Amino acid sequence: MTSNKYEAVIGLEVHAQLLTNSKLFCGDATRFGAEANTLVSPITLAHPGTLPVMNEAVVNLALTLGTALECEIVQDNFFARKNYFYPDLPKAYQVSQHTAPICRGGYLTIKSEGGNKKINLNRIHMEEDAGKSIHDLEAEFTCIDLNRAGTPLLEIVTEPCIHTAQDAFSFLTELRRLLRWLQVCDGNMEEGSMRCDANISIRPQGSNTLGTRVEVKNLNSIRNVKLAIEFEINRLIEITEKGEKIIQETRSFDASKGTSFSLRTKEEAEDYRYFPEPDLSPFYISNEQLVNVKISLPPLPLEIINKYTSEYGLSLYDAEMICSDKDDMLYFESIVAHYTAYKAVANWLQGPVRSYCNVHQLHLNQFPLPVPALCSLIELNETGMVSFSNASNKILSALLASPATTALEIATQLNLLQEKDSDAIHEWVNQVLENLPDKVEAYKAGKKALIGLFSGEVKKISKGKADMQLVQRILVEKLSN
């Protein structure tokens, strides 16, 4: 009851590690999973006399994401030092952007309870990542792995315009899809290449004043972001209802317990003592660069979803499932380039093909059957020559075992071609109805669902060869007399 008195206000800060081969300011590799402290150099280790050199690919990826999100690109750019002690960043400061982020504003459209909703962005800026502190290898010591130190990040910061945990979940899901789609970041939260901090506050319904916020740090899955926000909203309401004061602080979320705990009181921006990074020159984004980025931007998921629903006649669900991953979409496109039964192709991809890939831990585009062979099988089913059951089970299995054979050859060899002879189907139908006189009477008395029983019996007698559409039509005709 008390939750109806309050509105949650949520802002998200997402750190996305970029898909570059090297770090932000040096040539050290950014490979995940390497032996600890092997992807380092004097620059990563901040040896005296070393100087950073800007990675141009980072700027291009930032521009790509910012353009896709309709951001204002800040053409005059510079980096700043953020003076904050990181035990796993040897410089003891972080190079980031503060007053001049490379992207300002913009938005991401999500699906919300009331329909599509724009989540407004505050900024996107570039910065370097810190290393990793490991607390569970030694009983008395913390171990430091500096492989990640200096890895390029984009920090994507929303406005405080999210009001439910579900909308935060939807935003992160859509953002991860876009990051992968544009090949900006792999979005792997388990490996830490995408991390999220959530700023949460509550206020009375109808109020425009922001409440005291808490920040929950380093949430490592989209599901945990949702759970942490839900827990914090309830915790803040409980504190308020008791008449106690909410303290601005940084917290962490224990996923195993479903609760959060305090880490420290929150620093303000001035505590970081930002100033322009003296070892890096300011840089300018030219109009030519912006034009080239726009030209090279691929069609985005929402644009393709609209195409699939309006031009291909797919349902919104089918279109969204196909576009959940760019590689899935490209695989779908490669198939419909050969065979344009769009709905049938979508059904096969979401059904038998995906099932096979899930079992064998493959991506959809790694399905081993050549596209022309898969198309011939789908067409064999669509033209009514074989049933979907036989096509998706017996023929598909045989094709995978012998891809040089055609679907038609296999269907012929296995005697699976559907019987379209009306006389033969009439004979099978008559046999079923004669064997089930009580069910016939029940059907005529109003139990129309029995049509499925009759169809199934015809399928058994014909050993799956009967054209079931023709069976249904003949059954209805005979049962109506």
Protein backbone atom coordinates (compact mmCIF):
# COMPACT_ATOMS: atom_id res chain seq x y z
CA MET A 1 0.00 0.00 0.00
CA THR A 2 2.76 2.46 0.94
CA SER A 3 4.53 1.94 -2.41
CA ASN A 4 1.64 3.69 -4.15
CA LYS A 5 2.55 6.85 -2.24
CA TYR A 6 5.99 7.05 -3.84
CA GLU A 7 7.60 7.26 -7.26
CA ALA A 8 10.99 5.72 -7.86
CA VAL A 9 13.53 7.75 -9.83
CA ILE A 10 16.32 5.73 -11.40
CA GLY A 11 19.37 6.68 -13.42
CA LEU A 12 21.79 4.15 -14.86
CA GLU A 13 25.51 4.37 -15.54
CA VAL A 14 26.70 1.65 -17.91
CA HIS A 15 30.37 0.93 -18.55
CA ALA A 16 31.00 -0.84 -21.84
CA GLN A 17 34.46 -2.20 -22.67
CA LEU A 18 35.17 -1.53 -26.32
CA LEU A 19 35.98 -4.16 -28.93
CA THR A 20 39.42 -2.80 -29.74
CA ASN A 21 42.57 -4.87 -30.08
CA SER A 22 44.58 -2.56 -27.84
CA LYS A 23 44.14 -0.33 -24.82
CA LEU A 24 43.08 3.30 -24.77
CA PHE A 25 46.54 4.87 -24.50
CA CYS A 26 49.01 2.13 -25.45
CA GLY A 27 49.41 -0.97 -27.62
CA ASP A 28 48.82 -3.57 -24.88
CA ALA A 29 46.26 -6.18 -25.89
CA THR A 30 42.75 -6.22 -24.38
CA ARG A 31 42.27 -10.00 -24.52
CA PHE A 32 40.03 -11.52 -21.84
CA GLY A 33 41.21 -14.51 -19.84
CA ALA A 34 44.98 -14.08 -20.30
CA GLU A 35 47.33 -15.02 -17.46
CA ALA A 36 47.36 -12.29 -14.81
CA ASN A 37 49.64 -9.30 -15.44
CA THR A 38 50.80 -10.43 -18.89
CA LEU A 39 49.00 -7.75 -20.94
CA VAL A 40 50.99 -4.88 -19.47
CA SER A 41 53.77 -2.53 -20.53
CA PRO A 42 55.61 0.41 -18.96
CA ILE A 43 52.70 2.67 -19.95
CA THR A 44 50.07 0.44 -18.31
CA LEU A 45 52.34 0.21 -15.26
CA ALA A 46 52.77 4.02 -15.22
CA HIS A 47 56.54 3.97 -15.22
CA PRO A 48 58.11 7.44 -14.91
CA GLY A 49 58.69 9.15 -18.25
CA THR A 50 56.06 7.19 -20.17
CA LEU A 51 53.42 9.07 -22.14
CA PRO A 52 49.98 7.98 -23.39
CA VAL A 53 49.08 7.84 -27.11
CA MET A 54 45.43 8.06 -28.12
CA ASN A 55 43.74 5.00 -29.73
CA GLU A 56 41.81 6.37 -32.72
CA ALA A 57 39.54 3.31 -32.88
CA VAL A 58 38.05 4.28 -29.51
CA VAL A 59 36.89 7.63 -30.87
CA ASN A 60 35.32 5.95 -33.90
CA LEU A 61 33.38 3.50 -31.73
CA ALA A 62 32.18 6.33 -29.49
CA LEU A 63 30.98 8.25 -32.54
CA THR A 64 29.24 5.16 -33.90
CA LEU A 65 27.28 4.59 -30.70
CA GLY A 66 26.53 8.28 -30.23
CA THR A 67 25.22 8.60 -33.78
CA ALA A 68 23.01 5.52 -33.39
CA LEU A 69 21.57 6.99 -30.18
CA GLU A 70 20.86 10.40 -31.77
CA CYS A 71 23.36 12.16 -29.51
CA GLU A 72 24.85 15.59 -30.07
CA ILE A 73 28.49 15.00 -30.93
CA VAL A 74 30.86 17.36 -29.12
CA GLN A 75 33.47 18.23 -31.72
CA ASP A 76 35.99 19.96 -29.41
CA ASN A 77 37.21 17.23 -27.08
CA PHE A 78 39.77 16.69 -24.36
CA PHE A 79 40.52 14.22 -21.59
CA ALA A 80 40.65 14.96 -17.88
CA ARG A 81 42.31 13.45 -14.85
CA LYS A 82 39.95 12.04 -12.27
CA ASN A 83 41.83 12.01 -8.98
CA TYR A 84 40.49 9.05 -7.12
CA PHE A 85 42.55 6.28 -5.56
CA TYR A 86 42.25 3.03 -7.45
CA PRO A 87 44.44 0.34 -5.86
CA ASP A 88 44.40 -1.49 -9.21
CA LEU A 89 45.29 1.49 -11.43
CA PRO A 90 49.02 2.18 -11.10
CA LYS A 91 48.80 5.91 -11.94
CA ALA A 92 46.54 6.42 -8.89
CA TYR A 93 44.27 8.52 -11.11
CA GLN A 94 41.96 7.73 -14.00
CA VAL A 95 41.96 9.43 -17.41
CA SER A 96 38.36 10.18 -18.29
CA GLN A 97 36.16 12.95 -19.68
CA HIS A 98 34.23 15.37 -17.51
CA THR A 99 33.11 18.76 -18.81
CA ALA A 100 33.46 17.75 -22.47
CA PRO A 101 31.98 14.28 -23.04
CA ILE A 102 32.19 13.19 -26.66
CA CYS A 103 28.38 12.68 -26.81
CA ARG A 104 25.61 14.68 -25.15
CA GLY A 105 21.92 13.91 -24.93
CA GLY A 106 20.34 11.31 -27.17
CA TYR A 107 17.91 8.54 -26.30
CA LEU A 108 17.19 4.83 -26.56
CA THR A 109 13.69 3.55 -27.30
CA ILE A 110 12.49 0.63 -25.17
CA LYS A 111 9.31 -1.39 -24.88
CA SER A 112 7.49 -0.43 -21.71
CA GLU A 113 4.20 -1.43 -20.13
CA GLY A 114 2.39 1.45 -21.85
CA GLY A 115 4.10 0.97 -25.24
CA ASN A 116 7.35 2.36 -26.64
CA LYS A 117 9.19 4.81 -24.40
CA LYS A 118 12.26 6.99 -24.94
CA ILE A 119 14.91 6.78 -22.21
CA ASN A 120 16.86 10.02 -22.41
CA LEU A 121 20.63 10.00 -22.09
CA ASN A 122 22.72 12.60 -20.31
CA ARG A 123 26.03 11.81 -21.98
CA ILE A 124 28.43 9.20 -23.28
CA HIS A 125 32.09 9.66 -22.49
CA MET A 126 35.38 7.81 -22.96
CA GLU A 127 37.62 6.66 -20.14
CA GLU A 128 40.09 3.96 -19.18
CA ASP A 129 39.25 0.96 -17.05
CA ALA A 130 40.98 0.02 -13.83
CA GLY A 131 42.58 -3.36 -13.15
CA LYS A 132 41.01 -6.06 -11.03
CA SER A 133 41.38 -6.70 -7.31
CA ILE A 134 41.06 -10.37 -6.37
CA HIS A 135 40.23 -11.01 -2.74
CA ASP A 136 39.74 -14.77 -2.58
CA LEU A 137 43.07 -16.21 -3.75
CA GLU A 138 45.10 -15.43 -0.64
CA ALA A 139 43.87 -15.51 2.94
CA GLU A 140 45.77 -12.39 4.06
CA PHE A 141 46.37 -10.49 0.83
CA THR A 142 44.50 -8.93 -2.06
CA CYS A 143 45.92 -9.87 -5.45
CA ILE A 144 46.04 -7.35 -8.29
CA ASP A 145 45.64 -8.22 -11.98
CA LEU A 146 46.50 -5.23 -14.19
CA ASN A 147 45.57 -6.83 -17.53
CA ARG A 148 42.35 -4.81 -17.64
CA ALA A 149 43.98 -1.52 -16.58
CA GLY A 150 43.80 0.97 -19.43
CA THR A 151 41.15 -0.95 -21.39
CA PRO A 152 38.96 1.58 -23.24
CA LEU A 153 35.46 2.15 -21.88
CA LEU A 154 32.41 4.10 -22.88
CA GLU A 155 30.31 5.23 -19.95
CA ILE A 156 26.68 5.65 -20.98
CA VAL A 157 24.75 7.77 -18.47
CA THR A 158 20.97 8.11 -18.55
CA GLU A 159 18.96 10.98 -17.19
CA PRO A 160 17.07 10.14 -13.97
CA CYS A 161 14.00 9.33 -16.05
CA ILE A 162 13.44 5.63 -15.34
CA HIS A 163 10.73 4.84 -12.82
CA THR A 164 10.50 1.04 -12.64
CA ALA A 165 12.92 -1.84 -12.30
CA GLN A 166 11.32 -3.43 -15.37
CA ASP A 167 12.07 -0.36 -17.52
CA ALA A 168 15.68 -0.45 -16.30
CA PHE A 169 15.79 -4.12 -17.31
CA SER A 170 14.36 -3.27 -20.75
CA PHE A 171 16.83 -0.42 -21.23
CA LEU A 172 19.85 -2.60 -20.48
CA THR A 173 18.54 -5.40 -22.68
CA GLU A 174 18.04 -3.02 -25.60
CA LEU A 175 21.37 -1.25 -25.00
CA ARG A 176 23.27 -4.55 -24.94
CA ARG A 177 21.64 -5.58 -28.21
CA LEU A 178 22.66 -2.26 -29.79
CA LEU A 179 26.25 -2.49 -28.49
CA ARG A 180 26.58 -5.96 -29.98
CA TRP A 181 24.78 -4.95 -33.16
CA LEU A 182 27.26 -2.13 -33.78
CA GLN A 183 30.22 -4.27 -32.65
CA VAL A 184 31.07 -1.66 -30.04
CA CYS A 185 31.07 -4.06 -27.08
CA ASP A 186 30.38 -7.78 -26.67
CA GLY A 187 27.97 -7.05 -23.79
CA ASN A 188 29.26 -9.96 -21.72
CA MET A 189 28.34 -8.96 -18.16
CA GLU A 190 29.67 -12.24 -16.72
CA GLU A 191 33.16 -11.34 -17.95
CA GLY A 192 32.76 -7.73 -16.82
CA SER A 193 32.86 -6.19 -20.30
CA MET A 194 29.52 -4.53 -19.57
CA ARG A 195 28.84 -3.30 -16.03
CA CYS A 196 26.05 -1.23 -14.58
CA ASP A 197 25.67 1.12 -11.61
CA ALA A 198 22.14 2.15 -10.62
CA ASN A 199 21.28 5.43 -8.89
CA ILE A 200 17.97 5.10 -7.07
CA SER A 201 15.81 7.51 -5.09
CA ILE A 202 12.14 7.86 -4.20
CA ARG A 203 9.83 10.84 -3.90
CA PRO A 204 6.12 11.35 -3.15
CA GLN A 205 3.86 10.75 -6.13
CA GLY A 206 3.37 14.02 -8.00
CA SER A 207 6.53 15.65 -6.63
CA ASN A 208 9.18 17.05 -9.00
CA THR A 209 11.92 17.21 -6.37
CA LEU A 210 14.53 14.48 -6.48
CA GLY A 211 15.06 12.55 -3.28
CA THR A 212 18.37 11.51 -1.70
CA ARG A 213 19.86 8.84 -3.91
CA VAL A 214 21.83 5.72 -3.28
CA GLU A 215 24.11 4.11 -5.84
CA VAL A 216 24.35 0.35 -6.26
CA LYS A 217 27.68 -0.50 -7.91
CA ASN A 218 29.02 -3.09 -10.34
CA LEU A 219 25.92 -5.14 -11.00
CA ASN A 220 27.00 -8.08 -13.14
CA SER A 221 23.78 -9.18 -14.83
CA ILE A 222 20.67 -7.49 -16.17
CA ARG A 223 18.55 -9.66 -13.88
CA ASN A 224 20.56 -8.53 -10.85
CA VAL A 225 20.08 -4.88 -11.84
CA LYS A 226 16.33 -5.44 -11.73
CA LEU A 227 16.48 -7.29 -8.40
CA ALA A 228 18.77 -4.69 -6.82
CA ILE A 229 16.53 -1.80 -7.88
CA GLU A 230 13.42 -3.55 -6.56
CA PHE A 231 15.14 -4.21 -3.23
CA GLU A 232 16.42 -0.63 -2.92
CA ILE A 233 13.04 0.92 -3.72
CA ASN A 234 11.42 -1.13 -0.96
CA ARG A 235 14.28 -0.36 1.45
CA LEU A 236 14.05 3.39 0.82
CA ILE A 237 10.27 3.34 1.27
CA GLU A 238 10.66 1.47 4.54
CA ILE A 239 13.22 4.00 5.83
CA THR A 240 10.95 6.89 4.83
CA GLU A 241 7.87 5.33 6.42
CA LYS A 242 9.77 4.96 9.70
CA GLY A 243 10.54 8.67 9.62
CA GLU A 244 14.27 8.05 9.28
CA LYS A 245 16.70 9.92 7.03
CA ILE A 246 18.03 8.38 3.82
CA ILE A 247 21.81 8.67 3.59
CA GLN A 248 23.51 9.24 0.25
CA GLU A 249 25.85 6.29 -0.09
CA THR A 250 27.35 3.68 -2.38
CA ARG A 251 26.08 0.14 -1.90
CA SER A 252 26.68 -3.31 -3.33
CA PHE A 253 24.17 -6.06 -4.07
CA ASP A 254 24.47 -9.61 -2.73
CA ALA A 255 22.68 -11.67 -5.38
CA SER A 256 22.72 -14.83 -3.26
CA LYS A 257 20.76 -13.11 -0.47
CA GLY A 258 18.84 -10.63 -2.62
CA THR A 259 19.92 -7.74 -0.37
CA SER A 260 22.25 -4.75 -0.60
CA PHE A 261 24.88 -3.52 1.85
CA SER A 262 26.72 -0.24 2.35
CA LEU A 263 30.22 0.29 0.96
CA ARG A 264 30.87 3.97 1.68
CA THR A 265 29.25 7.37 1.79
CA LYS A 266 29.08 8.85 -1.69
CA GLU A 267 31.70 11.28 -2.98
CA GLU A 268 30.57 14.30 -4.96
CA ALA A 269 32.07 15.25 -8.33
CA GLU A 270 34.23 17.97 -6.78
CA ASP A 271 35.94 15.33 -4.63
CA TYR A 272 37.51 13.95 -7.79
CA ARG A 273 39.32 17.25 -8.55
CA TYR A 274 39.02 16.96 -12.34
CA PHE A 275 41.45 18.97 -14.47
CA PRO A 276 42.52 18.67 -18.15
CA GLU A 277 44.95 15.81 -18.74
CA PRO A 278 48.29 17.54 -19.45
CA ASP A 279 49.84 14.56 -21.27
CA LEU A 280 47.14 14.37 -23.96
CA SER A 281 46.38 17.07 -26.53
CA PRO A 282 42.81 18.22 -27.11
CA PHE A 283 41.34 16.76 -30.30
CA TYR A 284 38.70 17.83 -32.78
CA ILE A 285 35.98 15.74 -34.45
CA SER A 286 35.69 16.94 -38.03
CA ASN A 287 32.48 17.23 -40.03
CA GLU A 288 33.94 14.72 -42.47
CA GLN A 289 34.33 12.17 -39.66
CA LEU A 290 30.70 12.64 -38.65
CA VAL A 291 29.49 12.17 -42.21
CA ASN A 292 31.58 9.01 -42.63
CA VAL A 293 30.18 7.54 -39.40
CA LYS A 294 26.61 8.19 -40.51
CA ILE A 295 27.26 6.60 -43.90
CA SER A 296 28.84 3.50 -42.37
CA LEU A 297 26.11 3.00 -39.74
CA PRO A 298 24.23 -0.27 -40.45
CA PRO A 299 20.42 -0.47 -40.33
CA LEU A 300 19.42 -0.60 -36.66
CA PRO A 301 17.20 -3.23 -35.00
CA LEU A 302 14.02 -1.14 -34.82
CA GLU A 303 14.33 -0.20 -38.50
CA ILE A 304 14.67 -3.85 -39.51
CA ILE A 305 11.84 -4.95 -37.20
CA ASN A 306 9.56 -2.41 -38.91
CA LYS A 307 10.64 -3.76 -42.31
CA TYR A 308 9.92 -7.35 -41.29
CA THR A 309 6.45 -6.56 -39.96
CA SER A 310 5.39 -4.18 -42.75
CA GLU A 311 7.07 -5.73 -45.82
CA TYR A 312 7.59 -9.37 -44.86
CA GLY A 313 4.32 -9.77 -42.97
CA LEU A 314 5.99 -11.24 -39.88
CA SER A 315 4.47 -10.86 -36.45
CA LEU A 316 6.14 -8.41 -34.07
CA TYR A 317 7.24 -11.37 -31.94
CA ASP A 318 8.92 -13.14 -34.88
CA ALA A 319 10.61 -9.94 -36.04
CA GLU A 320 11.95 -9.16 -32.57
CA MET A 321 13.21 -12.71 -32.06
CA ILE A 322 15.08 -12.64 -35.37
CA CYS A 323 16.55 -9.21 -34.56
CA SER A 324 17.55 -10.11 -31.01
CA ASP A 325 21.02 -10.77 -32.42
CA LYS A 326 22.62 -9.29 -35.52
CA ASP A 327 24.13 -12.60 -36.63
CA ASP A 328 20.68 -14.23 -36.37
CA MET A 329 19.25 -11.47 -38.54
CA LEU A 330 21.99 -11.86 -41.15
CA TYR A 331 21.41 -15.63 -41.21
CA PHE A 332 17.68 -15.07 -41.73
CA GLU A 333 18.51 -12.68 -44.59
CA SER A 334 20.81 -15.24 -46.20
CA ILE A 335 17.96 -17.79 -46.22
CA VAL A 336 15.20 -15.50 -47.54
CA ALA A 337 17.57 -14.45 -50.32
CA HIS A 338 17.03 -18.02 -51.61
CA TYR A 339 13.44 -18.64 -50.52
CA THR A 340 10.98 -15.87 -49.72
CA ALA A 341 8.42 -17.73 -47.61
CA TYR A 342 9.29 -15.36 -44.74
CA LYS A 343 6.93 -16.77 -42.11
CA ALA A 344 7.94 -20.36 -42.84
CA VAL A 345 11.64 -19.46 -42.62
CA ALA A 346 11.04 -17.65 -39.31
CA ASN A 347 9.19 -20.68 -37.93
CA TRP A 348 12.00 -23.02 -38.91
CA LEU A 349 14.68 -20.77 -37.41
CA GLN A 350 12.82 -20.39 -34.13
CA GLY A 351 11.88 -24.09 -34.06
CA PRO A 352 13.99 -26.98 -35.40
CA VAL A 353 17.09 -24.95 -36.28
CA ARG A 354 17.31 -23.20 -32.91
CA SER A 355 16.59 -26.44 -31.04
CA TYR A 356 19.48 -28.15 -32.82
CA CYS A 357 21.80 -25.21 -32.14
CA ASN A 358 20.85 -25.08 -28.47
CA VAL A 359 21.60 -28.80 -28.03
CA HIS A 360 24.96 -28.50 -29.79
CA GLN A 361 25.83 -25.10 -28.26
CA LEU A 362 26.02 -23.34 -31.61
CA HIS A 363 25.01 -19.89 -32.77
CA LEU A 364 22.18 -19.88 -35.27
CA ASN A 365 24.50 -18.98 -38.15
CA GLN A 366 26.66 -22.02 -37.30
CA PHE A 367 23.87 -24.44 -38.22
CA PRO A 368 25.76 -27.04 -40.27
CA LEU A 369 23.26 -27.52 -43.10
CA PRO A 370 24.03 -25.37 -46.17
CA VAL A 371 21.45 -22.65 -46.78
CA PRO A 372 20.24 -24.05 -50.16
CA ALA A 373 19.65 -27.46 -48.56
CA LEU A 374 17.70 -25.92 -45.68
CA CYS A 375 15.64 -23.88 -48.15
CA SER A 376 14.77 -26.98 -50.18
CA LEU A 377 13.56 -28.72 -47.02
CA ILE A 378 11.41 -25.76 -45.96
CA GLU A 379 9.96 -25.55 -49.47
CA LEU A 380 9.19 -29.29 -49.45
CA ASN A 381 7.12 -28.77 -46.32
CA GLU A 382 5.51 -25.52 -47.48
CA THR A 383 4.29 -27.05 -50.74
CA GLY A 384 2.65 -29.85 -48.80
CA MET A 385 4.86 -32.62 -50.14
CA VAL A 386 5.89 -33.67 -46.63
CA SER A 387 4.45 -32.98 -43.19
CA PHE A 388 6.21 -30.59 -40.82
CA SER A 389 6.73 -33.42 -38.34
CA ASN A 390 8.49 -35.62 -40.87
CA ALA A 391 10.42 -32.70 -42.36
CA SER A 392 11.69 -31.36 -39.02
CA ASN A 393 12.53 -34.73 -37.53
CA LYS A 394 13.26 -37.54 -39.99
CA ILE A 395 14.30 -35.62 -43.11
CA LEU A 396 16.30 -32.94 -41.27
CA SER A 397 18.24 -35.59 -39.33
CA ALA A 398 19.00 -37.49 -42.53
CA LEU A 399 20.09 -34.28 -44.30
CA LEU A 400 22.44 -33.38 -41.46
CA ALA A 401 23.98 -36.84 -41.67
CA SER A 402 24.20 -36.71 -45.48
CA PRO A 403 24.16 -33.06 -46.65
CA ALA A 404 25.03 -34.02 -50.24
CA THR A 405 21.60 -35.70 -50.56
CA THR A 406 18.56 -33.55 -51.37
CA ALA A 407 15.50 -33.30 -49.15
CA LEU A 408 13.33 -34.72 -51.93
CA GLU A 409 15.60 -37.74 -52.36
CA ILE A 410 15.49 -38.47 -48.65
CA ALA A 411 11.70 -38.03 -48.49
CA THR A 412 11.36 -40.45 -51.40
CA GLN A 413 13.77 -42.99 -49.91
CA LEU A 414 11.99 -42.91 -46.53
CA ASN A 415 8.56 -43.06 -48.18
CA LEU A 416 7.52 -39.79 -46.51
CA LEU A 417 5.98 -37.94 -49.44
CA GLN A 418 2.44 -36.98 -48.47
CA GLU A 419 -0.43 -38.83 -50.09
CA LYS A 420 -2.65 -36.38 -51.95
CA ASP A 421 -4.79 -39.04 -53.62
CA SER A 422 -8.32 -38.12 -52.58
CA ASP A 423 -9.55 -41.69 -52.97
CA ALA A 424 -6.87 -43.08 -50.65
CA ILE A 425 -7.57 -40.42 -48.01
CA HIS A 426 -11.33 -41.04 -48.25
CA GLU A 427 -10.63 -44.73 -47.57
CA TRP A 428 -8.50 -43.94 -44.48
CA VAL A 429 -11.09 -41.50 -43.14
CA ASN A 430 -13.89 -44.01 -43.62
CA GLN A 431 -11.87 -46.63 -41.76
CA VAL A 432 -11.30 -44.34 -38.78
CA LEU A 433 -14.94 -43.24 -38.55
CA GLU A 434 -16.17 -46.83 -38.76
CA ASN A 435 -13.79 -47.84 -35.93
CA LEU A 436 -15.00 -45.00 -33.66
CA PRO A 437 -18.81 -44.85 -33.93
CA ASP A 438 -19.30 -43.59 -30.37
CA LYS A 439 -16.85 -40.71 -30.99
CA VAL A 440 -18.65 -39.85 -34.22
CA GLU A 441 -21.93 -39.54 -32.31
CA ALA A 442 -20.23 -37.41 -29.65
CA TYR A 443 -18.80 -35.12 -32.34
CA LYS A 444 -22.23 -34.70 -33.93
CA ALA A 445 -23.64 -33.98 -30.47
CA GLY A 446 -21.35 -30.97 -30.15
CA LYS A 447 -17.88 -32.21 -29.09
CA LYS A 448 -16.12 -30.62 -32.06
CA ALA A 449 -12.68 -31.00 -30.45
CA LEU A 450 -12.82 -34.69 -31.39
CA ILE A 451 -11.78 -33.67 -34.90
CA GLY A 452 -8.22 -33.78 -33.58
CA LEU A 453 -8.64 -37.39 -32.50
CA PHE A 454 -9.94 -38.40 -35.92
CA SER A 455 -7.08 -36.57 -37.67
CA GLY A 456 -4.54 -38.28 -35.45
CA GLU A 457 -5.96 -41.70 -36.22
CA VAL A 458 -5.82 -41.03 -39.96
CA LYS A 459 -2.21 -39.93 -39.55
CA LYS A 460 -1.41 -43.22 -37.78
CA ILE A 461 -3.08 -45.38 -40.41
CA SER A 462 -1.37 -43.52 -43.24
CA LYS A 463 1.97 -43.64 -41.38
CA GLY A 464 2.19 -39.87 -41.62
CA LYS A 465 1.80 -39.79 -45.39
CA ALA A 466 -1.69 -38.31 -45.60
CA ASP A 467 -1.99 -34.61 -46.51
CA MET A 468 -3.49 -33.42 -43.25
CA GLN A 469 -5.16 -30.35 -44.75
CA LEU A 470 -7.03 -32.61 -47.14
CA VAL A 471 -7.78 -35.00 -44.25
CA GLN A 472 -9.33 -32.18 -42.23
CA ARG A 473 -11.50 -31.08 -45.14
CA ILE A 474 -12.77 -34.61 -45.86
CA LEU A 475 -13.41 -35.27 -42.16
CA VAL A 476 -15.53 -32.12 -41.81
CA GLU A 477 -17.51 -33.02 -44.95
CA LYS A 478 -18.24 -36.58 -43.79
CA LEU A 479 -19.03 -35.62 -40.19
CA SER A 480 -21.45 -32.93 -41.38
CA ASN A 481 -23.66 -35.48 -43.15
